Amino acid sequence: MLGIDHIVIAAKDPAQSAQLFGETYNCKIVKGGRHENWGTFNYLAYFRNDCYIEWLGIFNEEIADQSDNPLIKQLVVAFEENREGPIQYALRTEQMNPLIERLTKLDYSFAGPIAGEREKPDGTNLQWRMLFPESESVFPFIIEWGKQKNIPNDREYINNTTIQEIQDGLIDLEEFEKITDISVEGNNIPLRNGKLTITSNNKLDFTLQD
């Protein structure tokens, strides 16, 4: 079953945006790291239901502009349009290979799996891979972590709050069912650690709950 992994927020100044969010919602914020191959860096807020928010910014525009990573392309376009805020989210799987096989059999186009890595503040290396189903709508990407998930070494930095729900007004429900092989009744999609709600407001948003 898929789970909420993280929500990506485009932020020209990730530190400032994350700090403001932390002050508003009484959340602890931690510095993430740099993605050297993509020219990006992040700040993070972790939550007790095994997911997090990522404030993603660019430290090297030339590298970011040349990236073929669909997420970085989204980020670049958002900044070109002077947009900040939630732009994407990741759903976590522990079985990416079967998903790749399924999409291949369906002759469904996708980008990836794209490998990612960064050095954590404690010097350890974090690795993951991402799959981007190609869609006319903004479709969430799928992430699978390596030997360790993206959680802080110090559990004191995990906020006693949950991302209860993601509200997505950009996704196509029929396409979601086709790609994920999840049958959906109504507009609420149960996930391992929350739910995804399909809305009609043409926005991407989320709900926190204590």
N, C-alpha and C. Protein backbone atom coordinates (compact mmCIF):
# COMPACT_ATOMS: atom_id res chain seq x y z
N MET A 1 0.85 -1.20 0.00
CA MET A 1 0.00 0.00 0.00
C MET A 1 0.88 1.24 0.00
N LEU A 2 0.48 2.23 -0.79
CA LEU A 2 1.24 3.47 -0.85
C LEU A 2 1.02 4.30 0.42
N GLY A 3 2.02 5.10 0.76
CA GLY A 3 1.92 5.99 1.91
C GLY A 3 2.32 7.40 1.53
N ILE A 4 1.92 8.37 2.34
CA ILE A 4 2.40 9.74 2.17
C ILE A 4 3.88 9.75 2.55
N ASP A 5 4.74 10.21 1.67
CA ASP A 5 6.15 10.34 2.03
C ASP A 5 6.47 11.78 2.37
N HIS A 6 6.30 12.67 1.40
CA HIS A 6 6.53 14.08 1.72
C HIS A 6 5.86 15.01 0.73
N ILE A 7 5.69 16.24 1.15
CA ILE A 7 5.13 17.31 0.34
C ILE A 7 6.26 18.28 0.01
N VAL A 8 6.33 18.67 -1.25
CA VAL A 8 7.39 19.56 -1.71
C VAL A 8 6.85 20.98 -1.83
N ILE A 9 7.51 21.91 -1.13
CA ILE A 9 7.14 23.31 -1.19
C ILE A 9 8.26 24.09 -1.87
N ALA A 10 7.93 24.74 -2.97
CA ALA A 10 8.90 25.59 -3.66
C ALA A 10 9.15 26.83 -2.82
N ALA A 11 10.42 27.07 -2.50
CA ALA A 11 10.76 28.21 -1.64
C ALA A 11 12.06 28.84 -2.12
N LYS A 12 12.00 30.11 -2.46
CA LYS A 12 13.21 30.80 -2.90
C LYS A 12 14.20 30.95 -1.75
N ASP A 13 13.68 31.04 -0.54
CA ASP A 13 14.52 31.05 0.67
C ASP A 13 13.98 29.97 1.60
N PRO A 14 14.42 28.72 1.42
CA PRO A 14 13.86 27.61 2.21
C PRO A 14 13.99 27.81 3.72
N ALA A 15 15.11 28.36 4.17
CA ALA A 15 15.30 28.54 5.61
C ALA A 15 14.25 29.49 6.17
N GLN A 16 14.03 30.60 5.50
CA GLN A 16 13.06 31.59 5.97
C GLN A 16 11.63 31.04 5.90
N SER A 17 11.28 30.38 4.80
CA SER A 17 9.93 29.85 4.63
C SER A 17 9.64 28.77 5.66
N ALA A 18 10.62 27.89 5.89
CA ALA A 18 10.45 26.83 6.87
C ALA A 18 10.33 27.39 8.28
N GLN A 19 11.13 28.40 8.58
CA GLN A 19 11.08 29.01 9.91
C GLN A 19 9.72 29.66 10.16
N LEU A 20 9.17 30.34 9.16
CA LEU A 20 7.86 30.97 9.30
C LEU A 20 6.79 29.91 9.54
N PHE A 21 6.86 28.81 8.80
CA PHE A 21 5.91 27.71 8.99
C PHE A 21 6.03 27.15 10.40
N GLY A 22 7.27 26.96 10.84
CA GLY A 22 7.49 26.41 12.17
C GLY A 22 6.93 27.29 13.27
N GLU A 23 7.08 28.61 13.11
CA GLU A 23 6.56 29.54 14.11
C GLU A 23 5.03 29.57 14.07
N THR A 24 4.46 29.45 12.88
CA THR A 24 3.00 29.50 12.74
C THR A 24 2.34 28.25 13.30
N TYR A 25 2.94 27.09 13.05
CA TYR A 25 2.31 25.82 13.43
C TYR A 25 3.03 25.12 14.58
N ASN A 26 3.94 25.84 15.23
CA ASN A 26 4.66 25.29 16.37
C ASN A 26 5.35 23.97 16.02
N CYS A 27 6.10 23.99 14.91
CA CYS A 27 6.80 22.79 14.42
C CYS A 27 8.32 23.00 14.46
N LYS A 28 9.03 21.95 14.77
CA LYS A 28 10.48 21.99 14.73
C LYS A 28 10.93 21.80 13.27
N ILE A 29 11.90 22.60 12.89
CA ILE A 29 12.44 22.57 11.53
C ILE A 29 13.90 22.16 11.59
N VAL A 30 14.34 21.38 10.61
CA VAL A 30 15.75 20.99 10.56
C VAL A 30 16.31 21.29 9.17
N LYS A 31 17.59 21.55 9.15
CA LYS A 31 18.28 21.74 7.89
C LYS A 31 18.47 20.39 7.23
N GLY A 32 18.17 20.31 5.94
CA GLY A 32 18.33 19.05 5.21
C GLY A 32 19.73 18.92 4.65
N GLY A 33 19.92 19.32 3.41
CA GLY A 33 21.23 19.23 2.78
C GLY A 33 21.16 19.70 1.34
N ARG A 34 22.23 19.45 0.60
CA ARG A 34 22.33 19.90 -0.78
C ARG A 34 22.28 18.70 -1.72
N HIS A 35 21.57 18.88 -2.84
CA HIS A 35 21.56 17.90 -3.92
C HIS A 35 22.50 18.45 -4.99
N GLU A 36 23.75 18.05 -4.90
CA GLU A 36 24.79 18.66 -5.74
C GLU A 36 24.51 18.49 -7.23
N ASN A 37 23.95 17.35 -7.62
CA ASN A 37 23.71 17.08 -9.05
C ASN A 37 22.55 17.87 -9.62
N TRP A 38 21.71 18.44 -8.73
CA TRP A 38 20.53 19.17 -9.18
C TRP A 38 20.59 20.65 -8.86
N GLY A 39 21.57 21.07 -8.08
CA GLY A 39 21.69 22.48 -7.73
C GLY A 39 20.66 22.95 -6.74
N THR A 40 20.13 22.02 -5.92
CA THR A 40 19.07 22.38 -4.98
C THR A 40 19.46 22.05 -3.54
N PHE A 41 18.71 22.60 -2.59
CA PHE A 41 18.93 22.30 -1.18
C PHE A 41 17.58 22.40 -0.46
N ASN A 42 17.53 21.88 0.79
CA ASN A 42 16.23 21.85 1.44
C ASN A 42 16.29 22.02 2.95
N TYR A 43 15.14 22.36 3.50
CA TYR A 43 14.86 22.33 4.94
C TYR A 43 13.64 21.44 5.13
N LEU A 44 13.52 20.84 6.32
CA LEU A 44 12.53 19.79 6.51
C LEU A 44 11.79 19.93 7.84
N ALA A 45 10.55 19.43 7.85
CA ALA A 45 9.78 19.27 9.09
C ALA A 45 9.23 17.85 9.09
N TYR A 46 9.59 17.07 10.12
CA TYR A 46 9.18 15.67 10.21
C TYR A 46 7.96 15.53 11.12
N PHE A 47 7.11 14.53 10.80
CA PHE A 47 5.89 14.32 11.56
C PHE A 47 5.78 12.87 12.02
N ARG A 48 4.98 12.66 13.07
CA ARG A 48 4.98 11.37 13.74
C ARG A 48 4.37 10.24 12.91
N ASN A 49 3.62 10.56 11.85
CA ASN A 49 3.07 9.49 11.02
C ASN A 49 3.96 9.18 9.81
N ASP A 50 5.27 9.31 10.04
CA ASP A 50 6.27 8.81 9.08
C ASP A 50 6.21 9.54 7.74
N CYS A 51 6.14 10.87 7.79
CA CYS A 51 6.19 11.67 6.58
C CYS A 51 6.74 13.05 6.94
N TYR A 52 6.96 13.88 5.96
CA TYR A 52 7.57 15.18 6.23
C TYR A 52 7.24 16.20 5.16
N ILE A 53 7.56 17.46 5.44
CA ILE A 53 7.45 18.55 4.48
C ILE A 53 8.86 18.96 4.08
N GLU A 54 9.04 19.22 2.81
CA GLU A 54 10.34 19.67 2.28
C GLU A 54 10.20 21.05 1.66
N TRP A 55 10.99 22.01 2.13
CA TRP A 55 11.08 23.31 1.48
C TRP A 55 12.29 23.24 0.56
N LEU A 56 12.04 23.32 -0.73
CA LEU A 56 13.09 23.08 -1.73
C LEU A 56 13.45 24.37 -2.44
N GLY A 57 14.74 24.67 -2.46
CA GLY A 57 15.23 25.88 -3.13
C GLY A 57 16.41 25.56 -4.03
N ILE A 58 16.90 26.57 -4.71
CA ILE A 58 17.98 26.40 -5.68
C ILE A 58 19.20 27.19 -5.22
N PHE A 59 20.36 26.53 -5.17
CA PHE A 59 21.60 27.24 -4.86
C PHE A 59 22.46 27.45 -6.10
N ASN A 60 22.18 26.73 -7.18
CA ASN A 60 22.93 26.90 -8.43
C ASN A 60 21.93 26.83 -9.59
N GLU A 61 21.55 27.98 -10.11
CA GLU A 61 20.52 28.03 -11.15
C GLU A 61 20.97 27.34 -12.43
N GLU A 62 22.26 27.42 -12.76
CA GLU A 62 22.75 26.81 -14.00
C GLU A 62 22.58 25.29 -13.95
N ILE A 63 22.95 24.68 -12.82
CA ILE A 63 22.80 23.23 -12.68
C ILE A 63 21.33 22.85 -12.69
N ALA A 64 20.50 23.60 -11.96
CA ALA A 64 19.07 23.29 -11.90
C ALA A 64 18.42 23.41 -13.27
N ASP A 65 18.78 24.43 -14.02
CA ASP A 65 18.20 24.64 -15.36
C ASP A 65 18.52 23.48 -16.30
N GLN A 66 19.65 22.84 -16.10
CA GLN A 66 20.08 21.76 -16.99
C GLN A 66 19.63 20.38 -16.52
N SER A 67 18.98 20.32 -15.36
CA SER A 67 18.59 19.02 -14.82
C SER A 67 17.46 18.39 -15.64
N ASP A 68 17.53 17.06 -15.79
CA ASP A 68 16.45 16.33 -16.46
C ASP A 68 15.52 15.67 -15.45
N ASN A 69 15.70 15.98 -14.17
CA ASN A 69 14.82 15.48 -13.13
C ASN A 69 13.48 16.23 -13.21
N PRO A 70 12.35 15.53 -13.42
CA PRO A 70 11.06 16.22 -13.57
C PRO A 70 10.70 17.11 -12.38
N LEU A 71 11.08 16.71 -11.17
CA LEU A 71 10.77 17.54 -10.01
C LEU A 71 11.53 18.85 -10.05
N ILE A 72 12.80 18.80 -10.43
CA ILE A 72 13.60 20.03 -10.51
C ILE A 72 13.08 20.91 -11.64
N LYS A 73 12.63 20.30 -12.72
CA LYS A 73 12.02 21.09 -13.79
C LYS A 73 10.79 21.82 -13.29
N GLN A 74 9.96 21.14 -12.50
CA GLN A 74 8.79 21.79 -11.90
C GLN A 74 9.19 22.98 -11.04
N LEU A 75 10.24 22.78 -10.25
CA LEU A 75 10.71 23.84 -9.36
C LEU A 75 11.19 25.04 -10.16
N VAL A 76 11.96 24.80 -11.21
CA VAL A 76 12.48 25.88 -12.04
C VAL A 76 11.33 26.66 -12.67
N VAL A 77 10.33 25.95 -13.19
CA VAL A 77 9.17 26.62 -13.81
C VAL A 77 8.41 27.45 -12.77
N ALA A 78 8.24 26.88 -11.58
CA ALA A 78 7.53 27.62 -10.52
C ALA A 78 8.22 28.94 -10.22
N PHE A 79 9.55 28.93 -10.12
CA PHE A 79 10.28 30.16 -9.82
C PHE A 79 10.24 31.13 -11.00
N GLU A 80 10.27 30.58 -12.22
CA GLU A 80 10.17 31.45 -13.40
C GLU A 80 8.82 32.17 -13.43
N GLU A 81 7.79 31.49 -12.90
CA GLU A 81 6.45 32.09 -12.84
C GLU A 81 6.21 32.82 -11.53
N ASN A 82 7.28 32.96 -10.75
CA ASN A 82 7.23 33.66 -9.46
C ASN A 82 6.21 33.03 -8.51
N ARG A 83 6.17 31.68 -8.52
CA ARG A 83 5.27 30.95 -7.65
C ARG A 83 6.07 30.27 -6.54
N GLU A 84 5.54 30.36 -5.32
CA GLU A 84 6.07 29.60 -4.20
C GLU A 84 4.91 28.88 -3.53
N GLY A 85 5.22 27.81 -2.80
CA GLY A 85 4.17 27.05 -2.15
C GLY A 85 4.22 25.59 -2.59
N PRO A 86 3.23 24.78 -2.18
CA PRO A 86 3.22 23.36 -2.53
C PRO A 86 3.15 23.17 -4.05
N ILE A 87 4.06 22.39 -4.61
CA ILE A 87 4.05 22.13 -6.05
C ILE A 87 3.96 20.64 -6.38
N GLN A 88 4.25 19.78 -5.40
CA GLN A 88 4.32 18.35 -5.70
C GLN A 88 4.34 17.56 -4.40
N TYR A 89 4.08 16.27 -4.49
CA TYR A 89 4.22 15.40 -3.33
C TYR A 89 4.64 14.02 -3.78
N ALA A 90 5.20 13.28 -2.84
CA ALA A 90 5.71 11.94 -3.14
C ALA A 90 4.91 10.91 -2.36
N LEU A 91 4.57 9.83 -3.03
CA LEU A 91 3.96 8.68 -2.38
C LEU A 91 5.02 7.59 -2.26
N ARG A 92 5.12 6.99 -1.09
CA ARG A 92 6.20 6.04 -0.81
C ARG A 92 5.76 4.60 -1.11
N THR A 93 6.67 3.87 -1.70
CA THR A 93 6.47 2.45 -1.94
C THR A 93 7.70 1.67 -1.48
N GLU A 94 7.51 0.42 -1.19
CA GLU A 94 8.62 -0.49 -0.91
C GLU A 94 8.73 -1.53 -2.01
N GLN A 95 7.95 -1.31 -3.08
CA GLN A 95 7.92 -2.26 -4.19
C GLN A 95 7.91 -1.51 -5.51
N MET A 96 8.96 -0.77 -5.78
CA MET A 96 9.01 0.01 -7.00
C MET A 96 9.16 -0.86 -8.24
N ASN A 97 9.95 -1.92 -8.15
CA ASN A 97 10.17 -2.76 -9.33
C ASN A 97 8.87 -3.34 -9.89
N PRO A 98 7.97 -3.89 -9.04
CA PRO A 98 6.69 -4.36 -9.58
C PRO A 98 5.88 -3.24 -10.23
N LEU A 99 5.97 -2.02 -9.69
CA LEU A 99 5.26 -0.90 -10.28
C LEU A 99 5.83 -0.58 -11.66
N ILE A 100 7.15 -0.61 -11.78
CA ILE A 100 7.78 -0.38 -13.08
C ILE A 100 7.34 -1.44 -14.08
N GLU A 101 7.30 -2.70 -13.64
CA GLU A 101 6.85 -3.79 -14.51
C GLU A 101 5.41 -3.58 -14.96
N ARG A 102 4.57 -3.13 -14.04
CA ARG A 102 3.17 -2.90 -14.36
C ARG A 102 3.02 -1.80 -15.41
N LEU A 103 3.69 -0.67 -15.20
CA LEU A 103 3.58 0.44 -16.15
C LEU A 103 4.15 0.06 -17.51
N THR A 104 5.20 -0.76 -17.51
CA THR A 104 5.79 -1.21 -18.77
C THR A 104 4.81 -2.09 -19.53
N LYS A 105 4.14 -2.99 -18.83
CA LYS A 105 3.15 -3.86 -19.48
C LYS A 105 1.97 -3.05 -20.02
N LEU A 106 1.62 -1.98 -19.32
CA LEU A 106 0.53 -1.11 -19.76
C LEU A 106 0.98 -0.18 -20.89
N ASP A 107 2.28 -0.21 -21.21
CA ASP A 107 2.87 0.70 -22.19
C ASP A 107 2.63 2.15 -21.78
N TYR A 108 2.77 2.39 -20.46
CA TYR A 108 2.56 3.72 -19.90
C TYR A 108 3.91 4.41 -19.74
N SER A 109 4.04 5.62 -20.23
CA SER A 109 5.31 6.33 -20.20
C SER A 109 5.64 6.82 -18.80
N PHE A 110 6.90 6.73 -18.45
CA PHE A 110 7.36 7.25 -17.17
C PHE A 110 8.83 7.60 -17.27
N ALA A 111 9.28 8.46 -16.38
CA ALA A 111 10.69 8.82 -16.27
C ALA A 111 11.26 8.16 -15.03
N GLY A 112 12.40 7.53 -15.18
CA GLY A 112 13.03 6.90 -14.03
C GLY A 112 13.17 5.40 -14.18
N PRO A 113 13.57 4.75 -13.09
CA PRO A 113 13.80 5.36 -11.78
C PRO A 113 15.05 6.25 -11.77
N ILE A 114 14.92 7.41 -11.13
CA ILE A 114 16.00 8.38 -11.02
C ILE A 114 16.60 8.27 -9.63
N ALA A 115 17.89 8.01 -9.57
CA ALA A 115 18.57 7.88 -8.28
C ALA A 115 18.85 9.25 -7.69
N GLY A 116 18.72 9.35 -6.37
CA GLY A 116 19.04 10.58 -5.67
C GLY A 116 19.85 10.29 -4.43
N GLU A 117 20.62 11.26 -4.01
CA GLU A 117 21.38 11.12 -2.77
C GLU A 117 21.79 12.51 -2.27
N ARG A 118 22.01 12.59 -0.98
CA ARG A 118 22.56 13.79 -0.38
C ARG A 118 23.22 13.41 0.94
N GLU A 119 24.11 14.29 1.37
CA GLU A 119 24.76 14.08 2.66
C GLU A 119 23.94 14.75 3.74
N LYS A 120 23.61 14.00 4.79
CA LYS A 120 22.86 14.56 5.91
C LYS A 120 23.80 15.42 6.77
N PRO A 121 23.25 16.29 7.60
CA PRO A 121 24.11 17.14 8.44
C PRO A 121 25.09 16.36 9.31
N ASP A 122 24.76 15.10 9.64
CA ASP A 122 25.68 14.31 10.47
C ASP A 122 26.75 13.60 9.65
N GLY A 123 26.75 13.83 8.32
CA GLY A 123 27.77 13.25 7.46
C GLY A 123 27.39 11.94 6.81
N THR A 124 26.27 11.34 7.21
CA THR A 124 25.85 10.08 6.59
C THR A 124 25.21 10.36 5.25
N ASN A 125 25.18 9.32 4.41
CA ASN A 125 24.67 9.46 3.05
C ASN A 125 23.26 8.89 2.96
N LEU A 126 22.35 9.68 2.41
CA LEU A 126 20.96 9.26 2.23
C LEU A 126 20.73 8.98 0.75
N GLN A 127 20.13 7.84 0.44
CA GLN A 127 19.91 7.45 -0.95
C GLN A 127 18.46 7.07 -1.18
N TRP A 128 17.99 7.32 -2.39
CA TRP A 128 16.62 6.98 -2.76
C TRP A 128 16.52 6.92 -4.28
N ARG A 129 15.38 6.46 -4.76
CA ARG A 129 15.11 6.55 -6.19
C ARG A 129 13.64 6.94 -6.41
N MET A 130 13.41 7.61 -7.53
CA MET A 130 12.11 8.21 -7.82
C MET A 130 11.61 7.77 -9.18
N LEU A 131 10.29 7.64 -9.27
CA LEU A 131 9.63 7.28 -10.52
C LEU A 131 8.58 8.33 -10.82
N PHE A 132 8.58 8.85 -12.05
CA PHE A 132 7.67 9.92 -12.44
C PHE A 132 6.76 9.45 -13.58
N PRO A 133 5.55 8.97 -13.27
CA PRO A 133 4.60 8.65 -14.34
C PRO A 133 4.29 9.91 -15.14
N GLU A 134 4.34 9.80 -16.47
CA GLU A 134 4.08 10.97 -17.30
C GLU A 134 2.58 11.17 -17.42
N SER A 135 2.16 12.42 -17.25
CA SER A 135 0.74 12.73 -17.19
C SER A 135 0.49 14.14 -17.67
N GLU A 136 -0.70 14.36 -18.23
CA GLU A 136 -1.08 15.72 -18.63
C GLU A 136 -1.37 16.57 -17.41
N SER A 137 -1.76 15.91 -16.31
CA SER A 137 -1.98 16.62 -15.05
C SER A 137 -0.70 16.53 -14.22
N VAL A 138 -0.68 17.20 -13.08
CA VAL A 138 0.46 17.11 -12.17
C VAL A 138 0.26 15.85 -11.33
N PHE A 139 1.01 14.81 -11.65
CA PHE A 139 0.84 13.53 -10.97
C PHE A 139 1.92 13.36 -9.91
N PRO A 140 1.59 12.84 -8.73
CA PRO A 140 2.62 12.66 -7.69
C PRO A 140 3.69 11.69 -8.15
N PHE A 141 4.91 11.88 -7.68
CA PHE A 141 5.94 10.91 -8.02
C PHE A 141 6.03 9.85 -6.93
N ILE A 142 6.62 8.73 -7.29
CA ILE A 142 6.75 7.60 -6.37
C ILE A 142 8.20 7.54 -5.89
N ILE A 143 8.38 7.35 -4.60
CA ILE A 143 9.73 7.30 -4.05
C ILE A 143 9.95 5.99 -3.30
N GLU A 144 11.15 5.49 -3.40
CA GLU A 144 11.55 4.30 -2.64
C GLU A 144 12.90 4.60 -2.01
N TRP A 145 12.98 4.45 -0.69
CA TRP A 145 14.21 4.77 0.02
C TRP A 145 15.16 3.59 0.01
N GLY A 146 16.45 3.91 0.19
CA GLY A 146 17.48 2.88 0.24
C GLY A 146 17.52 2.19 1.59
N LYS A 147 18.70 2.05 2.15
CA LYS A 147 18.85 1.32 3.41
C LYS A 147 18.19 2.05 4.58
N GLN A 148 18.07 3.37 4.49
CA GLN A 148 17.41 4.12 5.55
C GLN A 148 16.47 5.15 4.97
N LYS A 149 15.35 5.38 5.66
CA LYS A 149 14.40 6.41 5.24
C LYS A 149 14.90 7.77 5.71
N ASN A 150 14.26 8.78 5.19
CA ASN A 150 14.65 10.14 5.56
C ASN A 150 13.98 10.52 6.88
N ILE A 151 14.60 10.10 7.96
CA ILE A 151 14.14 10.47 9.30
C ILE A 151 15.33 11.03 10.07
N PRO A 152 15.07 11.94 11.01
CA PRO A 152 16.20 12.53 11.76
C PRO A 152 16.81 11.53 12.73
N ASN A 153 18.11 11.62 12.92
CA ASN A 153 18.77 10.75 13.89
C ASN A 153 18.28 11.03 15.31
N ASP A 154 18.00 12.29 15.59
CA ASP A 154 17.49 12.68 16.88
C ASP A 154 15.96 12.73 16.81
N ARG A 155 15.31 11.79 17.48
CA ARG A 155 13.85 11.70 17.41
C ARG A 155 13.16 12.92 18.02
N GLU A 156 13.91 13.75 18.73
CA GLU A 156 13.33 14.97 19.30
C GLU A 156 12.87 15.92 18.20
N TYR A 157 13.38 15.72 16.98
CA TYR A 157 13.02 16.60 15.87
C TYR A 157 11.80 16.10 15.10
N ILE A 158 11.19 15.01 15.56
CA ILE A 158 9.95 14.54 14.95
C ILE A 158 8.79 15.21 15.67
N ASN A 159 8.03 16.02 14.95
CA ASN A 159 6.93 16.77 15.55
C ASN A 159 5.77 15.84 15.92
N ASN A 160 5.15 16.13 17.05
CA ASN A 160 4.03 15.33 17.53
C ASN A 160 2.74 15.77 16.84
N THR A 161 2.81 15.78 15.51
CA THR A 161 1.72 16.22 14.64
C THR A 161 1.72 15.30 13.42
N THR A 162 0.58 15.23 12.73
CA THR A 162 0.53 14.40 11.53
C THR A 162 0.10 15.21 10.32
N ILE A 163 0.57 14.79 9.16
CA ILE A 163 -0.04 15.25 7.92
C ILE A 163 -1.21 14.29 7.70
N GLN A 164 -2.39 14.73 8.06
CA GLN A 164 -3.55 13.86 8.02
C GLN A 164 -4.06 13.62 6.61
N GLU A 165 -3.95 14.66 5.78
CA GLU A 165 -4.60 14.58 4.47
C GLU A 165 -3.87 15.47 3.47
N ILE A 166 -3.79 14.99 2.23
CA ILE A 166 -3.35 15.81 1.11
C ILE A 166 -4.58 16.07 0.24
N GLN A 167 -4.81 17.33 -0.08
CA GLN A 167 -5.91 17.69 -0.97
C GLN A 167 -5.33 18.06 -2.33
N ASP A 168 -5.70 17.29 -3.34
CA ASP A 168 -5.13 17.46 -4.67
C ASP A 168 -6.22 17.80 -5.67
N GLY A 169 -6.19 19.01 -6.18
CA GLY A 169 -7.15 19.43 -7.19
C GLY A 169 -6.56 19.42 -8.59
N LEU A 170 -5.38 18.83 -8.74
CA LEU A 170 -4.68 18.84 -10.03
C LEU A 170 -4.64 17.47 -10.69
N ILE A 171 -4.92 16.42 -9.93
CA ILE A 171 -4.75 15.06 -10.40
C ILE A 171 -6.01 14.54 -11.08
N ASP A 172 -5.83 13.57 -11.99
CA ASP A 172 -6.94 12.90 -12.65
C ASP A 172 -7.19 11.57 -11.95
N LEU A 173 -8.38 11.39 -11.38
CA LEU A 173 -8.68 10.21 -10.57
C LEU A 173 -8.60 8.92 -11.39
N GLU A 174 -9.12 8.93 -12.60
CA GLU A 174 -9.08 7.73 -13.45
C GLU A 174 -7.64 7.34 -13.75
N GLU A 175 -6.81 8.33 -13.99
CA GLU A 175 -5.40 8.07 -14.26
C GLU A 175 -4.70 7.52 -13.02
N PHE A 176 -5.06 8.04 -11.84
CA PHE A 176 -4.48 7.54 -10.60
C PHE A 176 -4.79 6.06 -10.42
N GLU A 177 -6.03 5.66 -10.67
CA GLU A 177 -6.41 4.26 -10.53
C GLU A 177 -5.64 3.39 -11.52
N LYS A 178 -5.46 3.88 -12.72
CA LYS A 178 -4.76 3.11 -13.75
C LYS A 178 -3.30 2.89 -13.38
N ILE A 179 -2.65 3.94 -12.92
CA ILE A 179 -1.22 3.87 -12.61
C ILE A 179 -0.94 3.04 -11.37
N THR A 180 -1.74 3.26 -10.33
CA THR A 180 -1.46 2.62 -9.04
C THR A 180 -2.15 1.28 -8.85
N ASP A 181 -3.13 0.97 -9.69
CA ASP A 181 -3.93 -0.25 -9.55
C ASP A 181 -4.71 -0.24 -8.23
N ILE A 182 -5.11 0.95 -7.79
CA ILE A 182 -5.92 1.11 -6.59
C ILE A 182 -7.33 1.50 -7.02
N SER A 183 -8.33 0.72 -6.61
CA SER A 183 -9.72 1.03 -6.92
C SER A 183 -10.24 2.03 -5.90
N VAL A 184 -10.82 3.11 -6.39
CA VAL A 184 -11.25 4.20 -5.52
C VAL A 184 -12.76 4.39 -5.64
N GLU A 185 -13.42 4.50 -4.49
CA GLU A 185 -14.83 4.86 -4.46
C GLU A 185 -14.95 6.25 -3.85
N GLY A 186 -15.61 7.13 -4.58
CA GLY A 186 -15.68 8.50 -4.11
C GLY A 186 -14.38 9.24 -4.39
N ASN A 187 -14.11 10.27 -3.63
CA ASN A 187 -12.93 11.10 -3.87
C ASN A 187 -11.84 10.93 -2.84
N ASN A 188 -12.02 10.01 -1.88
CA ASN A 188 -11.02 9.80 -0.85
C ASN A 188 -10.24 8.51 -1.10
N ILE A 189 -8.93 8.64 -1.13
CA ILE A 189 -8.05 7.50 -1.40
C ILE A 189 -7.29 7.18 -0.12
N PRO A 190 -7.54 6.02 0.50
CA PRO A 190 -6.82 5.67 1.73
C PRO A 190 -5.36 5.36 1.44
N LEU A 191 -4.47 5.93 2.24
CA LEU A 191 -3.05 5.67 2.16
C LEU A 191 -2.60 5.06 3.48
N ARG A 192 -1.39 4.55 3.52
CA ARG A 192 -0.91 3.84 4.70
C ARG A 192 -0.93 4.70 5.95
N ASN A 193 -0.68 5.99 5.80
CA ASN A 193 -0.55 6.87 6.96
C ASN A 193 -1.37 8.15 6.84
N GLY A 194 -2.45 8.09 6.09
CA GLY A 194 -3.30 9.26 5.91
C GLY A 194 -4.25 9.03 4.75
N LYS A 195 -4.69 10.10 4.13
CA LYS A 195 -5.56 9.93 2.97
C LYS A 195 -5.29 11.03 1.94
N LEU A 196 -5.64 10.71 0.71
CA LEU A 196 -5.54 11.65 -0.41
C LEU A 196 -6.96 11.97 -0.84
N THR A 197 -7.29 13.25 -0.88
CA THR A 197 -8.62 13.68 -1.27
C THR A 197 -8.55 14.43 -2.59
N ILE A 198 -9.34 13.99 -3.56
CA ILE A 198 -9.39 14.66 -4.86
C ILE A 198 -10.42 15.77 -4.78
N THR A 199 -10.00 16.99 -5.05
CA THR A 199 -10.88 18.15 -4.95
C THR A 199 -11.06 18.78 -6.33
N SER A 200 -11.83 19.84 -6.38
CA SER A 200 -12.09 20.54 -7.65
C SER A 200 -11.57 21.97 -7.62
N ASN A 201 -10.66 22.27 -6.68
CA ASN A 201 -10.23 23.66 -6.52
C ASN A 201 -8.95 24.01 -7.28
N ASN A 202 -8.42 23.06 -8.07
CA ASN A 202 -7.24 23.32 -8.90
C ASN A 202 -6.03 23.75 -8.08
N LYS A 203 -5.93 23.20 -6.85
CA LYS A 203 -4.82 23.53 -5.96
C LYS A 203 -4.28 22.26 -5.31
N LEU A 204 -3.09 22.38 -4.76
CA LEU A 204 -2.50 21.32 -3.96
C LEU A 204 -2.33 21.87 -2.54
N ASP A 205 -2.86 21.13 -1.55
CA ASP A 205 -2.80 21.60 -0.18
C ASP A 205 -2.74 20.39 0.75
N PHE A 206 -2.61 20.65 2.04
CA PHE A 206 -2.54 19.56 3.00
C PHE A 206 -3.08 20.02 4.35
N THR A 207 -3.42 19.04 5.19
CA THR A 207 -4.00 19.32 6.50
C THR A 207 -3.14 18.69 7.58
N LEU A 208 -2.79 19.48 8.60
CA LEU A 208 -2.08 18.98 9.77
C LEU A 208 -3.07 18.72 10.90
N GLN A 209 -2.76 17.73 11.73
CA GLN A 209 -3.60 17.45 12.88
C GLN A 209 -2.74 17.00 14.06
N ASP A 210 -3.04 17.51 15.23
CA ASP A 210 -2.33 17.10 16.45
C ASP A 210 -2.72 15.68 16.83
